């Protein structure tokens, strides 16, 4: 799959595309419906399909100090878009110039002219342009004047409530992995490069692969049953601690994944850790004996859930 930017331009082979337009952070069921409709339309009209996303997230421009909240990296989104059937991902660099662009100007100059889109698919609540004054009605009206068709996809409901990235974040904060997984259609997954640690886990008989949480949404701190995907494609079960490790000083925020029956060196390798089930809150232990005993219980419960 190709990764495009406005600065790099859209190749001639992708002009006349059907464009799925949105943020698509997390690529939950609602996002999948929008991209799925774009792929369907592209197939019937024999047109390529581009998924357009924004990076950084618009919130970062207007509220730079908000805590981390992203549900997916660009690399993760690109892989998900490819699996959905898209031909390319277009990344809008959301900066002050793009934020200041009038909604009608965005349709005419960016979507119709610079991208050369034949059709644009959005969610029915999509808004854009300076002050978020653009909506689906404006997109259809202005698009028609520039030979650009526009279509809005209806909301997707889970338990009678609209699926949204905000609902996914709320579920993760609550440790409700089942609801998050339902809305995402897959477990919430954190990817990163394994970094050297203090080797305390190895000394306790539980070597871990340590990954920084970077700009990801912080789920509820605690212990999780996980599946770890290695950079060679293998998917392995395990148990992970996600939090600040209150037993040790100084407390350090980290994702530490112990892979069952695995002891190879993973330093410097990129892995993905999928959170399958929340087991318990993190806790501070008085001594290593108590901590190790609890780790054995956590391992047993994770094995029961995953194996």
C-alpha atoms as a PDB file:
ATOM      1  CA  UNK A   1       0.000   0.000   0.000  1.00  0.00           C
ATOM      2  CA  UNK A   2       1.262   3.468  -0.889  1.00  0.00           C
ATOM      3  CA  UNK A   3       1.549   6.229   1.730  1.00  0.00           C
ATOM      4  CA  UNK A   4       0.890   9.660   0.236  1.00  0.00           C
ATOM      5  CA  UNK A   5       1.058  13.259   1.399  1.00  0.00           C
ATOM      6  CA  UNK A   6      -0.300  16.424  -0.165  1.00  0.00           C
ATOM      7  CA  UNK A   7       3.237  17.781  -0.468  1.00  0.00           C
ATOM      8  CA  UNK A   8       4.337  14.661  -2.330  1.00  0.00           C
ATOM      9  CA  UNK A   9       1.294  14.738  -4.586  1.00  0.00           C
ATOM     10  CA  UNK A  10      -1.121  12.093  -5.798  1.00  0.00           C
ATOM     11  CA  UNK A  11       0.178  10.005  -8.727  1.00  0.00           C
ATOM     12  CA  UNK A  12      -1.835   9.925 -11.922  1.00  0.00           C
ATOM     13  CA  UNK A  13      -2.699   6.269 -11.330  1.00  0.00           C
ATOM     14  CA  UNK A  14      -4.623   7.261  -8.190  1.00  0.00           C
ATOM     15  CA  UNK A  15      -6.418  10.324  -9.494  1.00  0.00           C
ATOM     16  CA  UNK A  16     -10.116   9.723  -9.951  1.00  0.00           C
ATOM     17  CA  UNK A  17     -10.133   7.722  -6.709  1.00  0.00           C
ATOM     18  CA  UNK A  18     -12.883   7.123  -4.224  1.00  0.00           C
ATOM     19  CA  UNK A  19     -11.614   8.773  -1.028  1.00  0.00           C
ATOM     20  CA  UNK A  20     -12.640   7.718   2.470  1.00  0.00           C
ATOM     21  CA  UNK A  21     -12.159  10.843   4.564  1.00  0.00           C
ATOM     22  CA  UNK A  22     -11.870  10.996   8.330  1.00  0.00           C
ATOM     23  CA  UNK A  23      -9.463  10.703  11.213  1.00  0.00           C
ATOM     24  CA  UNK A  24      -9.936   6.946  11.622  1.00  0.00           C
ATOM     25  CA  UNK A  25      -7.918   6.768  14.859  1.00  0.00           C
ATOM     26  CA  UNK A  26      -8.329   3.212  16.113  1.00  0.00           C
ATOM     27  CA  UNK A  27     -10.248   2.188  12.991  1.00  0.00           C
ATOM     28  CA  UNK A  28     -13.298   1.032  14.944  1.00  0.00           C
ATOM     29  CA  UNK A  29     -16.519  -0.390  13.492  1.00  0.00           C
ATOM     30  CA  UNK A  30     -17.791   3.046  12.437  1.00  0.00           C
ATOM     31  CA  UNK A  31     -14.561   3.794  10.588  1.00  0.00           C
ATOM     32  CA  UNK A  32     -14.620   0.352   9.017  1.00  0.00           C
ATOM     33  CA  UNK A  33     -18.105   1.046   7.667  1.00  0.00           C
ATOM     34  CA  UNK A  34     -16.906   4.239   5.957  1.00  0.00           C
ATOM     35  CA  UNK A  35     -13.831   2.624   4.412  1.00  0.00           C
ATOM     36  CA  UNK A  36     -15.824  -0.487   3.526  1.00  0.00           C
ATOM     37  CA  UNK A  37     -18.317   1.614   1.595  1.00  0.00           C
ATOM     38  CA  UNK A  38     -15.463   3.393  -0.228  1.00  0.00           C
ATOM     39  CA  UNK A  39     -13.942   0.043  -1.199  1.00  0.00           C
ATOM     40  CA  UNK A  40     -17.328  -1.214  -2.364  1.00  0.00           C
ATOM     41  CA  UNK A  41     -17.932   1.876  -4.472  1.00  0.00           C
ATOM     42  CA  UNK A  42     -14.418   1.739  -5.861  1.00  0.00           C
ATOM     43  CA  UNK A  43     -14.934  -1.869  -6.906  1.00  0.00           C
ATOM     44  CA  UNK A  44     -18.214  -1.170  -8.695  1.00  0.00           C
ATOM     45  CA  UNK A  45     -16.905   1.962 -10.407  1.00  0.00           C
ATOM     46  CA  UNK A  46     -13.495   0.392 -11.123  1.00  0.00           C
ATOM     47  CA  UNK A  47     -11.701   3.163  -9.288  1.00  0.00           C
ATOM     48  CA  UNK A  48      -8.791   3.019  -6.821  1.00  0.00           C
ATOM     49  CA  UNK A  49      -9.502   3.766  -3.171  1.00  0.00           C
ATOM     50  CA  UNK A  50      -7.583   6.180  -0.955  1.00  0.00           C
ATOM     51  CA  UNK A  51      -8.097   6.451   2.798  1.00  0.00           C
ATOM     52  CA  UNK A  52      -7.280   9.976   4.007  1.00  0.00           C
ATOM     53  CA  UNK A  53      -6.309  10.455   7.651  1.00  0.00           C
ATOM     54  CA  UNK A  54      -4.812  13.248   9.758  1.00  0.00           C
ATOM     55  CA  UNK A  55      -1.507  13.358  11.608  1.00  0.00           C
ATOM     56  CA  UNK A  56      -0.974  14.802  14.068  1.00  0.00           C
ATOM     57  CA  UNK A  57      -4.515  14.506  15.411  1.00  0.00           C
ATOM     58  CA  UNK A  58      -6.282  17.908  15.171  1.00  0.00           C
ATOM     59  CA  UNK A  59      -6.694  17.963  18.960  1.00  0.00           C
ATOM     60  CA  UNK A  60      -2.900  18.174  19.298  1.00  0.00           C
ATOM     61  CA  UNK A  61      -2.844  21.502  17.427  1.00  0.00           C
ATOM     62  CA  UNK A  62      -5.529  23.154  19.538  1.00  0.00           C
ATOM     63  CA  UNK A  63      -4.739  21.449  22.860  1.00  0.00           C
ATOM     64  CA  UNK A  64      -1.049  20.506  22.773  1.00  0.00           C
ATOM     65  CA  UNK A  65      -0.911  19.671  26.480  1.00  0.00           C
ATOM     66  CA  UNK A  66      -3.689  17.071  26.606  1.00  0.00           C
ATOM     67  CA  UNK A  67      -2.599  13.646  27.909  1.00  0.00           C
ATOM     68  CA  UNK A  68      -1.827  10.906  25.366  1.00  0.00           C
ATOM     69  CA  UNK A  69      -4.977   9.638  23.668  1.00  0.00           C
ATOM     70  CA  UNK A  70      -4.116   8.004  20.334  1.00  0.00           C
ATOM     71  CA  UNK A  71      -5.574   4.562  19.670  1.00  0.00           C
ATOM     72  CA  UNK A  72      -3.301   3.727  16.730  1.00  0.00           C
ATOM     73  CA  UNK A  73      -0.093   4.780  15.020  1.00  0.00           C
ATOM     74  CA  UNK A  74       0.118   5.678  11.347  1.00  0.00           C
ATOM     75  CA  UNK A  75       1.837   2.360  10.679  1.00  0.00           C
ATOM     76  CA  UNK A  76      -0.992   0.467  12.352  1.00  0.00           C
ATOM     77  CA  UNK A  77      -3.608   2.424  10.427  1.00  0.00           C
ATOM     78  CA  UNK A  78      -1.842   1.820   7.146  1.00  0.00           C
ATOM     79  CA  UNK A  79      -1.876  -1.927   7.771  1.00  0.00           C
ATOM     80  CA  UNK A  80      -5.538  -1.874   8.765  1.00  0.00           C
ATOM     81  CA  UNK A  81      -6.508   0.185   5.701  1.00  0.00           C
ATOM     82  CA  UNK A  82      -4.634  -2.238   3.462  1.00  0.00           C
ATOM     83  CA  UNK A  83      -6.437  -5.210   4.995  1.00  0.00           C
ATOM     84  CA  UNK A  84      -9.730  -3.392   4.372  1.00  0.00           C
ATOM     85  CA  UNK A  85      -8.944  -3.254   0.653  1.00  0.00           C
ATOM     86  CA  UNK A  86      -7.705   0.304   0.124  1.00  0.00           C
ATOM     87  CA  UNK A  87      -4.975   1.087  -2.381  1.00  0.00           C
ATOM     88  CA  UNK A  88      -3.297   3.994  -0.598  1.00  0.00           C
ATOM     89  CA  UNK A  89      -3.264   6.049   2.587  1.00  0.00           C
ATOM     90  CA  UNK A  90      -3.108   9.827   2.277  1.00  0.00           C
ATOM     91  CA  UNK A  91      -1.794  11.601   5.376  1.00  0.00           C
ATOM     92  CA  UNK A  92      -2.948  15.180   5.889  1.00  0.00           C
ATOM     93  CA  UNK A  93      -0.384  16.999   8.027  1.00  0.00           C
ATOM     94  CA  UNK A  94      -2.722  18.901  10.314  1.00  0.00           C
ATOM     95  CA  UNK A  95      -1.058  22.247  10.880  1.00  0.00           C
ATOM     96  CA  UNK A  96      -2.195  25.851  11.322  1.00  0.00           C
ATOM     97  CA  UNK A  97      -2.503  26.353   7.559  1.00  0.00           C
ATOM     98  CA  UNK A  98      -4.838  23.392   7.132  1.00  0.00           C
ATOM     99  CA  UNK A  99      -6.803  24.365  10.251  1.00  0.00           C
ATOM    100  CA  UNK A 100      -7.346  27.851   8.820  1.00  0.00           C
ATOM    101  CA  UNK A 101      -8.571  26.619   5.433  1.00  0.00           C
ATOM    102  CA  UNK A 102     -12.169  27.455   4.580  1.00  0.00           C
ATOM    103  CA  UNK A 103     -14.423  24.401   4.163  1.00  0.00           C
ATOM    104  CA  UNK A 104     -15.406  25.276   0.583  1.00  0.00           C
ATOM    105  CA  UNK A 105     -11.755  25.893  -0.281  1.00  0.00           C
ATOM    106  CA  UNK A 106     -10.836  22.479   1.121  1.00  0.00           C
ATOM    107  CA  UNK A 107     -13.381  20.773  -1.104  1.00  0.00           C
ATOM    108  CA  UNK A 108     -12.500  22.684  -4.251  1.00  0.00           C
ATOM    109  CA  UNK A 109      -8.735  23.040  -3.965  1.00  0.00           C
ATOM    110  CA  UNK A 110      -7.730  19.952  -2.004  1.00  0.00           C
ATOM    111  CA  UNK A 111     -10.260  17.191  -2.653  1.00  0.00           C
ATOM    112  CA  UNK A 112     -11.203  18.063  -6.233  1.00  0.00           C
ATOM    113  CA  UNK A 113      -8.018  19.671  -7.544  1.00  0.00           C
ATOM    114  CA  UNK A 114      -4.951  18.398  -5.678  1.00  0.00           C
ATOM    115  CA  UNK A 115      -6.266  14.890  -4.971  1.00  0.00           C
ATOM    116  CA  UNK A 116      -8.493  14.634  -8.027  1.00  0.00           C
ATOM    117  CA  UNK A 117     -11.106  12.605  -6.150  1.00  0.00           C
ATOM    118  CA  UNK A 118     -14.142  11.325  -8.013  1.00  0.00           C
ATOM    119  CA  UNK A 119     -16.088  10.599  -4.839  1.00  0.00           C
ATOM    120  CA  UNK A 120     -15.643  11.176  -1.107  1.00  0.00           C
ATOM    121  CA  UNK A 121     -17.132   8.949   1.589  1.00  0.00           C
ATOM    122  CA  UNK A 122     -17.439  10.170   5.189  1.00  0.00           C
ATOM    123  CA  UNK A 123     -19.338   9.400   8.354  1.00  0.00           C
ATOM    124  CA  UNK A 124     -22.650  11.202   8.733  1.00  0.00           C
ATOM    125  CA  UNK A 125     -21.229  13.399  11.530  1.00  0.00           C
ATOM    126  CA  UNK A 126     -18.062  14.459   9.694  1.00  0.00           C
ATOM    127  CA  UNK A 127     -17.096  18.137  10.020  1.00  0.00           C
ATOM    128  CA  UNK A 128     -14.157  20.006   8.529  1.00  0.00           C
ATOM    129  CA  UNK A 129     -12.744  23.383   7.563  1.00  0.00           C
ATOM    130  CA  UNK A 130     -12.003  26.480   9.614  1.00  0.00           C
ATOM    131  CA  UNK A 131     -14.139  26.453  12.729  1.00  0.00           C
ATOM    132  CA  UNK A 132     -15.491  23.051  11.636  1.00  0.00           C
ATOM    133  CA  UNK A 133     -18.082  24.859   9.518  1.00  0.00           C
ATOM    134  CA  UNK A 134     -18.095  22.210   6.806  1.00  0.00           C
ATOM    135  CA  UNK A 135     -20.486  19.284   7.055  1.00  0.00           C
ATOM    136  CA  UNK A 136     -21.857  16.558   4.818  1.00  0.00           C
ATOM    137  CA  UNK A 137     -24.418  18.895   3.229  1.00  0.00           C
ATOM    138  CA  UNK A 138     -21.719  21.419   2.272  1.00  0.00           C
ATOM    139  CA  UNK A 139     -19.477  18.639   0.985  1.00  0.00           C
ATOM    140  CA  UNK A 140     -22.260  17.407  -1.303  1.00  0.00           C
ATOM    141  CA  UNK A 141     -23.202  20.895  -2.504  1.00  0.00           C
ATOM    142  CA  UNK A 142     -19.695  22.188  -3.225  1.00  0.00           C
ATOM    143  CA  UNK A 143     -18.476  18.818  -4.433  1.00  0.00           C
ATOM    144  CA  UNK A 144     -21.211  18.606  -7.044  1.00  0.00           C
ATOM    145  CA  UNK A 145     -20.078  21.943  -8.488  1.00  0.00           C
ATOM    146  CA  UNK A 146     -16.597  20.455  -8.981  1.00  0.00           C
ATOM    147  CA  UNK A 147     -17.638  17.058 -10.326  1.00  0.00           C
ATOM    148  CA  UNK A 148     -17.097  15.396  -6.972  1.00  0.00           C
ATOM    149  CA  UNK A 149     -19.700  13.010  -5.573  1.00  0.00           C
ATOM    150  CA  UNK A 150     -20.160  12.849  -1.797  1.00  0.00           C
ATOM    151  CA  UNK A 151     -21.735  10.140   0.320  1.00  0.00           C
ATOM    152  CA  UNK A 152     -22.258   9.798   4.072  1.00  0.00           C
ATOM    153  CA  UNK A 153     -22.359   6.474   5.924  1.00  0.00           C
ATOM    154  CA  UNK A 154     -24.804   6.068   8.789  1.00  0.00           C
ATOM    155  CA  UNK A 155     -23.668   5.526  12.363  1.00  0.00           C
ATOM    156  CA  UNK A 156     -22.808   2.080  13.705  1.00  0.00           C
ATOM    157  CA  UNK A 157     -24.353   1.159  17.063  1.00  0.00           C
ATOM    158  CA  UNK A 158     -23.128  -1.156  19.809  1.00  0.00           C
ATOM    159  CA  UNK A 159     -25.614  -1.790  22.594  1.00  0.00           C
ATOM    160  CA  UNK A 160     -27.795   0.926  21.099  1.00  0.00           C
ATOM    161  CA  UNK A 161     -25.109   3.623  21.330  1.00  0.00           C
ATOM    162  CA  UNK A 162     -22.999   5.073  18.548  1.00  0.00           C
ATOM    163  CA  UNK A 163     -19.496   3.626  18.254  1.00  0.00           C
ATOM    164  CA  UNK A 164     -16.840   6.305  18.629  1.00  0.00           C
ATOM    165  CA  UNK A 165     -13.164   6.647  19.458  1.00  0.00           C
ATOM    166  CA  UNK A 166     -14.238   8.352  22.686  1.00  0.00           C
ATOM    167  CA  UNK A 167     -16.254   5.294  23.735  1.00  0.00           C
ATOM    168  CA  UNK A 168     -13.280   3.058  22.995  1.00  0.00           C
ATOM    169  CA  UNK A 169     -11.059   5.259  25.158  1.00  0.00           C
ATOM    170  CA  UNK A 170     -13.600   5.205  27.983  1.00  0.00           C
ATOM    171  CA  UNK A 171     -13.729   1.401  27.861  1.00  0.00           C
ATOM    172  CA  UNK A 172      -9.935   1.154  27.997  1.00  0.00           C
ATOM    173  CA  UNK A 173      -9.736   3.560  30.927  1.00  0.00           C
ATOM    174  CA  UNK A 174     -12.256   1.369  32.752  1.00  0.00           C
ATOM    175  CA  UNK A 175     -10.298  -1.801  31.968  1.00  0.00           C
ATOM    176  CA  UNK A 176     -13.261  -3.062  29.938  1.00  0.00           C
ATOM    177  CA  UNK A 177     -11.283  -4.875  27.259  1.00  0.00           C
ATOM    178  CA  UNK A 178     -14.337  -6.810  26.057  1.00  0.00           C
ATOM    179  CA  UNK A 179     -16.223  -3.641  25.075  1.00  0.00           C
ATOM    180  CA  UNK A 180     -13.133  -2.063  23.526  1.00  0.00           C
ATOM    181  CA  UNK A 181     -12.494  -5.227  21.517  1.00  0.00           C
ATOM    182  CA  UNK A 182     -16.124  -5.328  20.363  1.00  0.00           C
ATOM    183  CA  UNK A 183     -16.024  -1.745  19.092  1.00  0.00           C
ATOM    184  CA  UNK A 184     -12.590  -2.117  17.486  1.00  0.00           C
ATOM    185  CA  UNK A 185     -13.370  -5.623  16.126  1.00  0.00           C
ATOM    186  CA  UNK A 186      -9.967  -6.666  17.508  1.00  0.00           C
ATOM    187  CA  UNK A 187      -8.063  -6.228  20.772  1.00  0.00           C
ATOM    188  CA  UNK A 188      -6.485  -2.869  21.518  1.00  0.00           C
ATOM    189  CA  UNK A 189      -2.845  -3.186  20.494  1.00  0.00           C
ATOM    190  CA  UNK A 190       0.239  -1.228  21.480  1.00  0.00           C
ATOM    191  CA  UNK A 191       3.290  -1.480  19.251  1.00  0.00           C
ATOM    192  CA  UNK A 192       6.840  -0.413  19.910  1.00  0.00           C
ATOM    193  CA  UNK A 193      10.494  -1.301  19.945  1.00  0.00           C
ATOM    194  CA  UNK A 194      11.634  -3.510  22.830  1.00  0.00           C
ATOM    195  CA  UNK A 195      13.963  -1.538  25.059  1.00  0.00           C
ATOM    196  CA  UNK A 196      16.486  -2.704  27.667  1.00  0.00           C
ATOM    197  CA  UNK A 197      15.108  -2.929  31.182  1.00  0.00           C
ATOM    198  CA  UNK A 198      16.454  -3.408  34.686  1.00  0.00           C
ATOM    199  CA  UNK A 199      16.172  -7.230  34.339  1.00  0.00           C
ATOM    200  CA  UNK A 200      14.145  -7.539  37.557  1.00  0.00           C
ATOM    201  CA  UNK A 201      11.631  -9.742  35.741  1.00  0.00           C
ATOM    202  CA  UNK A 202      14.348 -12.128  34.610  1.00  0.00           C
ATOM    203  CA  UNK A 203      15.688 -12.328  38.162  1.00  0.00           C
ATOM    204  CA  UNK A 204      12.186 -13.294  39.332  1.00  0.00           C
ATOM    205  CA  UNK A 205      11.826 -15.948  36.620  1.00  0.00           C
ATOM    206  CA  UNK A 206       9.642 -13.744  34.396  1.00  0.00           C
ATOM    207  CA  UNK A 207      11.737 -12.105  31.650  1.00  0.00           C
ATOM    208  CA  UNK A 208       9.801  -9.318  29.947  1.00  0.00           C
ATOM    209  CA  UNK A 209       9.796  -7.401  26.693  1.00  0.00           C
ATOM    210  CA  UNK A 210       9.531  -3.739  27.663  1.00  0.00           C
ATOM    211  CA  UNK A 211       7.777  -1.187  25.433  1.00  0.00           C
ATOM    212  CA  UNK A 212       7.263   2.535  26.041  1.00  0.00           C
ATOM    213  CA  UNK A 213       3.641   3.744  25.859  1.00  0.00           C
ATOM    214  CA  UNK A 214       4.538   6.894  23.862  1.00  0.00           C
ATOM    215  CA  UNK A 215       1.393   8.736  22.639  1.00  0.00           C
ATOM    216  CA  UNK A 216      -1.022   5.820  23.110  1.00  0.00           C
ATOM    217  CA  UNK A 217      -4.161   6.137  25.194  1.00  0.00           C
ATOM    218  CA  UNK A 218      -3.368   4.779  28.650  1.00  0.00           C
ATOM    219  CA  UNK A 219      -5.661   1.883  29.514  1.00  0.00           C
ATOM    220  CA  UNK A 220      -6.415   1.122  33.135  1.00  0.00           C
ATOM    221  CA  UNK A 221      -3.161   0.354  34.908  1.00  0.00           C
ATOM    222  CA  UNK A 222      -2.911  -3.290  35.808  1.00  0.00           C
ATOM    223  CA  UNK A 223      -2.169  -6.817  34.670  1.00  0.00           C
ATOM    224  CA  UNK A 224      -3.452  -8.153  31.333  1.00  0.00           C
ATOM    225  CA  UNK A 225      -3.630 -11.418  29.441  1.00  0.00           C
ATOM    226  CA  UNK A 226      -1.993 -10.564  26.113  1.00  0.00           C
ATOM    227  CA  UNK A 227      -0.923 -11.902  22.762  1.00  0.00           C
ATOM    228  CA  UNK A 228       2.393 -10.628  21.447  1.00  0.00           C
ATOM    229  CA  UNK A 229       3.079 -10.476  17.721  1.00  0.00           C
ATOM    230  CA  UNK A 230       6.767 -10.539  16.863  1.00  0.00           C
ATOM    231  CA  UNK A 231       8.351  -8.893  13.838  1.00  0.00           C
ATOM    232  CA  UNK A 232       8.626 -12.322  12.193  1.00  0.00           C
ATOM    233  CA  UNK A 233       4.840 -12.748  12.299  1.00  0.00           C
ATOM    234  CA  UNK A 234       4.628 -15.174  15.204  1.00  0.00           C
ATOM    235  CA  UNK A 235       1.806 -14.534  17.674  1.00  0.00           C
ATOM    236  CA  UNK A 236       2.514 -15.773  21.194  1.00  0.00           C
ATOM    237  CA  UNK A 237       0.437 -15.736  24.411  1.00  0.00           C
ATOM    238  CA  UNK A 238       1.601 -14.028  27.556  1.00  0.00           C
ATOM    239  CA  UNK A 239       0.849 -11.806  30.518  1.00  0.00           C
ATOM    240  CA  UNK A 240       1.735  -8.127  30.813  1.00  0.00           C
ATOM    241  CA  UNK A 241       2.023  -5.399  33.398  1.00  0.00           C
ATOM    242  CA  UNK A 242       0.919  -1.973  32.213  1.00  0.00           C
ATOM    243  CA  UNK A 243       1.498   0.865  34.637  1.00  0.00           C
ATOM    244  CA  UNK A 244       4.067   2.472  36.897  1.00  0.00           C
ATOM    245  CA  UNK A 245       5.338  -0.623  38.781  1.00  0.00           C
ATOM    246  CA  UNK A 246       4.564   0.737  42.289  1.00  0.00           C
ATOM    247  CA  UNK A 247       6.668  -1.929  44.045  1.00  0.00           C
ATOM    248  CA  UNK A 248       9.865  -0.454  42.611  1.00  0.00           C
ATOM    249  CA  UNK A 249      11.469   2.959  42.958  1.00  0.00           C
ATOM    250  CA  UNK A 250      11.234   5.211  41.161  1.00  0.00           C
ATOM    251  CA  UNK A 251       7.828   4.294  39.697  1.00  0.00           C
ATOM    252  CA  UNK A 252       8.264   4.133  35.919  1.00  0.00           C
ATOM    253  CA  UNK A 253       5.437   3.923  33.386  1.00  0.00           C
ATOM    254  CA  UNK A 254       5.969   0.937  31.115  1.00  0.00           C
ATOM    255  CA  UNK A 255       4.357  -1.963  29.308  1.00  0.00           C
ATOM    256  CA  UNK A 256       6.183  -5.164  30.315  1.00  0.00           C
ATOM    257  CA  UNK A 257       5.109  -8.313  28.476  1.00  0.00           C
ATOM    258  CA  UNK A 258       6.145 -11.798  29.583  1.00  0.00           C
ATOM    259  CA  UNK A 259       5.742 -14.301  26.745  1.00  0.00           C
ATOM    260  CA  UNK A 260       4.982 -17.827  27.876  1.00  0.00           C
ATOM    261  CA  UNK A 261       7.690 -20.442  27.266  1.00  0.00           C
ATOM    262  CA  UNK A 262       9.856 -17.977  25.323  1.00  0.00           C
ATOM    263  CA  UNK A 263      13.296 -16.675  26.165  1.00  0.00           C
ATOM    264  CA  UNK A 264      14.852 -15.243  22.987  1.00  0.00           C
ATOM    265  CA  UNK A 265      16.472 -11.803  22.875  1.00  0.00           C
ATOM    266  CA  UNK A 266      13.978  -9.226  21.574  1.00  0.00           C
ATOM    267  CA  UNK A 267      15.954  -6.032  22.256  1.00  0.00           C
ATOM    268  CA  UNK A 268      15.630  -3.561  19.408  1.00  0.00           C
ATOM    269  CA  UNK A 269      12.865  -5.529  17.701  1.00  0.00           C
ATOM    270  CA  UNK A 270       9.388  -4.135  17.035  1.00  0.00           C
ATOM    271  CA  UNK A 271       6.524  -6.040  18.622  1.00  0.00           C
ATOM    272  CA  UNK A 272       2.770  -5.609  19.070  1.00  0.00           C
ATOM    273  CA  UNK A 273       1.079  -6.336  22.391  1.00  0.00           C
ATOM    274  CA  UNK A 274      -2.671  -6.982  22.150  1.00  0.00           C
ATOM    275  CA  UNK A 275      -4.637  -6.566  25.390  1.00  0.00           C
ATOM    276  CA  UNK A 276      -7.076  -9.489  25.544  1.00  0.00           C
ATOM    277  CA  UNK A 277      -8.319  -9.378  29.138  1.00  0.00           C
ATOM    278  CA  UNK A 278      -7.847  -7.227  32.225  1.00  0.00           C
ATOM    279  CA  UNK A 279      -6.858  -9.430  35.168  1.00  0.00           C
ATOM    280  CA  UNK A 280      -6.357  -7.088  38.110  1.00  0.00           C
ATOM    281  CA  UNK A 281      -5.204  -3.629  39.162  1.00  0.00           C
ATOM    282  CA  UNK A 282      -1.512  -3.107  39.765  1.00  0.00           C
ATOM    283  CA  UNK A 283      -0.481  -3.255  43.409  1.00  0.00           C
ATOM    284  CA  UNK A 284       2.479  -2.556  45.650  1.00  0.00           C
ATOM    285  CA  UNK A 285       3.993  -5.609  47.358  1.00  0.00           C
ATOM    286  CA  UNK A 286       5.982  -5.652  50.585  1.00  0.00           C
ATOM    287  CA  UNK A 287       8.599  -8.097  49.323  1.00  0.00           C
ATOM    288  CA  UNK A 288       9.692 -10.072  46.268  1.00  0.00           C
ATOM    289  CA  UNK A 289       8.243 -13.316  47.624  1.00  0.00           C
ATOM    290  CA  UNK A 290       4.731 -11.855  47.693  1.00  0.00           C
ATOM    291  CA  UNK A 291       5.191 -10.300  44.248  1.00  0.00           C
ATOM    292  CA  UNK A 292       6.427 -13.565  42.741  1.00  0.00           C
ATOM    293  CA  UNK A 293       3.515 -15.501  44.228  1.00  0.00           C
ATOM    294  CA  UNK A 294       1.060 -13.048  42.669  1.00  0.00           C
ATOM    295  CA  UNK A 295       2.872 -13.250  39.323  1.00  0.00           C
ATOM    296  CA  UNK A 296       2.391 -17.019  39.325  1.00  0.00           C
ATOM    297  CA  UNK A 297      -1.332 -16.533  39.889  1.00  0.00           C
ATOM    298  CA  UNK A 298      -1.476 -13.964  37.087  1.00  0.00           C
ATOM    299  CA  UNK A 299       0.318 -16.329  34.739  1.00  0.00           C
ATOM    300  CA  UNK A 300      -2.055 -19.178  35.585  1.00  0.00           C
ATOM    301  CA  UNK A 301      -5.120 -17.019  34.937  1.00  0.00           C
ATOM    302  CA  UNK A 302      -3.723 -15.679  31.656  1.00  0.00           C
ATOM    303  CA  UNK A 303      -2.904 -19.197  30.495  1.00  0.00           C
ATOM    304  CA  UNK A 304      -6.438 -20.292  31.377  1.00  0.00           C
ATOM    305  CA  UNK A 305      -7.909 -17.475  29.256  1.00  0.00           C
ATOM    306  CA  UNK A 306      -5.571 -17.767  26.280  1.00  0.00           C
ATOM    307  CA  UNK A 307      -4.622 -21.410  25.936  1.00  0.00           C
END
